[in-house]
């Protein structure tokens, strides 16, 4: 693996980790699980919304937005 490929993978991993800290990410996941419509998925969606609330209180979205803008990705 080339150094350039390692650098690209490292950037993508950091971006992924930061986006998983965003309220928006967890709300999207909740919506996806809600669409399934089963009781189990409804429980998962509820947990995703709880995680989104936690992220909102930690101001993680600000960091995710900054990192996404820096890397030229759309969060």
C-alpha atoms as a PDB file:
ATOM      1  CA  UNK A   1       0.000   0.000   0.000  1.00  0.00           C
ATOM      2  CA  UNK A   2       1.350   3.384  -0.976  1.00  0.00           C
ATOM      3  CA  UNK A   3       1.824   6.252   1.481  1.00  0.00           C
ATOM      4  CA  UNK A   4      -0.763   8.247  -0.469  1.00  0.00           C
ATOM      5  CA  UNK A   5      -3.333   5.455  -0.077  1.00  0.00           C
ATOM      6  CA  UNK A   6      -2.604   5.193   3.649  1.00  0.00           C
ATOM      7  CA  UNK A   7      -3.064   8.964   3.991  1.00  0.00           C
ATOM      8  CA  UNK A   8      -6.375   8.818   2.129  1.00  0.00           C
ATOM      9  CA  UNK A   9      -7.629   5.935   4.290  1.00  0.00           C
ATOM     10  CA  UNK A  10      -6.577   7.717   7.467  1.00  0.00           C
ATOM     11  CA  UNK A  11      -8.465  10.861   6.422  1.00  0.00           C
ATOM     12  CA  UNK A  12     -11.574   8.840   5.609  1.00  0.00           C
ATOM     13  CA  UNK A  13     -11.417   7.044   8.949  1.00  0.00           C
ATOM     14  CA  UNK A  14     -11.139  10.320  10.861  1.00  0.00           C
ATOM     15  CA  UNK A  15     -14.005  11.808   8.865  1.00  0.00           C
ATOM     16  CA  UNK A  16     -16.160   8.747   9.537  1.00  0.00           C
ATOM     17  CA  UNK A  17     -15.421   8.890  13.257  1.00  0.00           C
ATOM     18  CA  UNK A  18     -16.263  12.567  13.438  1.00  0.00           C
ATOM     19  CA  UNK A  19     -19.477  12.196  11.476  1.00  0.00           C
ATOM     20  CA  UNK A  20     -20.600   9.412  13.792  1.00  0.00           C
ATOM     21  CA  UNK A  21     -20.447  12.010  16.546  1.00  0.00           C
ATOM     22  CA  UNK A  22     -22.938  14.258  14.771  1.00  0.00           C
ATOM     23  CA  UNK A  23     -26.557  14.670  15.738  1.00  0.00           C
ATOM     24  CA  UNK A  24     -27.513  14.717  12.054  1.00  0.00           C
ATOM     25  CA  UNK A  25     -25.913  11.282  11.472  1.00  0.00           C
ATOM     26  CA  UNK A  26     -27.906   9.640  14.270  1.00  0.00           C
ATOM     27  CA  UNK A  27     -31.159  11.314  13.276  1.00  0.00           C
ATOM     28  CA  UNK A  28     -30.705  10.012   9.728  1.00  0.00           C
ATOM     29  CA  UNK A  29     -30.117   6.513  11.079  1.00  0.00           C
ATOM     30  CA  UNK A  30     -33.238   6.818  13.234  1.00  0.00           C
ATOM     31  CA  UNK A  31     -35.240   7.795  10.164  1.00  0.00           C
ATOM     32  CA  UNK A  32     -33.861   4.862   8.204  1.00  0.00           C
ATOM     33  CA  UNK A  33     -34.845   2.416  10.951  1.00  0.00           C
ATOM     34  CA  UNK A  34     -38.278   4.049  11.301  1.00  0.00           C
ATOM     35  CA  UNK A  35     -38.907   3.336   7.616  1.00  0.00           C
ATOM     36  CA  UNK A  36     -38.537  -0.409   8.244  1.00  0.00           C
ATOM     37  CA  UNK A  37     -41.522  -0.323  10.563  1.00  0.00           C
ATOM     38  CA  UNK A  38     -40.843  -3.327  12.793  1.00  0.00           C
ATOM     39  CA  UNK A  39     -40.947  -3.109  16.595  1.00  0.00           C
ATOM     40  CA  UNK A  40     -37.247  -4.013  16.800  1.00  0.00           C
ATOM     41  CA  UNK A  41     -36.330  -1.257  14.339  1.00  0.00           C
ATOM     42  CA  UNK A  42     -38.516   1.202  16.238  1.00  0.00           C
ATOM     43  CA  UNK A  43     -36.433   0.462  19.346  1.00  0.00           C
ATOM     44  CA  UNK A  44     -33.209   0.972  17.392  1.00  0.00           C
ATOM     45  CA  UNK A  45     -34.569   4.270  16.035  1.00  0.00           C
ATOM     46  CA  UNK A  46     -35.370   5.358  19.591  1.00  0.00           C
ATOM     47  CA  UNK A  47     -31.795   4.565  20.645  1.00  0.00           C
ATOM     48  CA  UNK A  48     -30.472   6.503  17.648  1.00  0.00           C
ATOM     49  CA  UNK A  49     -32.522   9.549  18.659  1.00  0.00           C
ATOM     50  CA  UNK A  50     -31.138   9.270  22.197  1.00  0.00           C
ATOM     51  CA  UNK A  51     -27.609   9.202  20.782  1.00  0.00           C
ATOM     52  CA  UNK A  52     -28.453  12.254  18.631  1.00  0.00           C
ATOM     53  CA  UNK A  53     -29.570  14.092  21.744  1.00  0.00           C
ATOM     54  CA  UNK A  54     -26.322  13.206  23.478  1.00  0.00           C
ATOM     55  CA  UNK A  55     -24.315  14.446  20.499  1.00  0.00           C
ATOM     56  CA  UNK A  56     -26.288  17.697  20.460  1.00  0.00           C
ATOM     57  CA  UNK A  57     -25.349  18.325  24.075  1.00  0.00           C
ATOM     58  CA  UNK A  58     -21.696  17.613  23.343  1.00  0.00           C
ATOM     59  CA  UNK A  59     -21.642  20.076  20.399  1.00  0.00           C
ATOM     60  CA  UNK A  60     -20.114  17.367  18.224  1.00  0.00           C
ATOM     61  CA  UNK A  61     -21.879  18.651  15.100  1.00  0.00           C
ATOM     62  CA  UNK A  62     -19.663  21.723  15.065  1.00  0.00           C
ATOM     63  CA  UNK A  63     -16.541  19.561  14.880  1.00  0.00           C
ATOM     64  CA  UNK A  64     -18.043  17.279  12.243  1.00  0.00           C
ATOM     65  CA  UNK A  65     -19.027  20.255  10.079  1.00  0.00           C
ATOM     66  CA  UNK A  66     -15.580  21.799  10.369  1.00  0.00           C
ATOM     67  CA  UNK A  67     -13.839  18.555   9.517  1.00  0.00           C
ATOM     68  CA  UNK A  68     -16.166  17.823   6.604  1.00  0.00           C
ATOM     69  CA  UNK A  69     -15.562  21.292   5.177  1.00  0.00           C
ATOM     70  CA  UNK A  70     -11.816  20.907   5.598  1.00  0.00           C
ATOM     71  CA  UNK A  71     -11.763  17.586   3.778  1.00  0.00           C
ATOM     72  CA  UNK A  72     -14.128  18.777   1.081  1.00  0.00           C
ATOM     73  CA  UNK A  73     -16.807  16.234   2.000  1.00  0.00           C
ATOM     74  CA  UNK A  74     -20.527  16.823   2.489  1.00  0.00           C
ATOM     75  CA  UNK A  75     -21.629  15.626   5.926  1.00  0.00           C
END
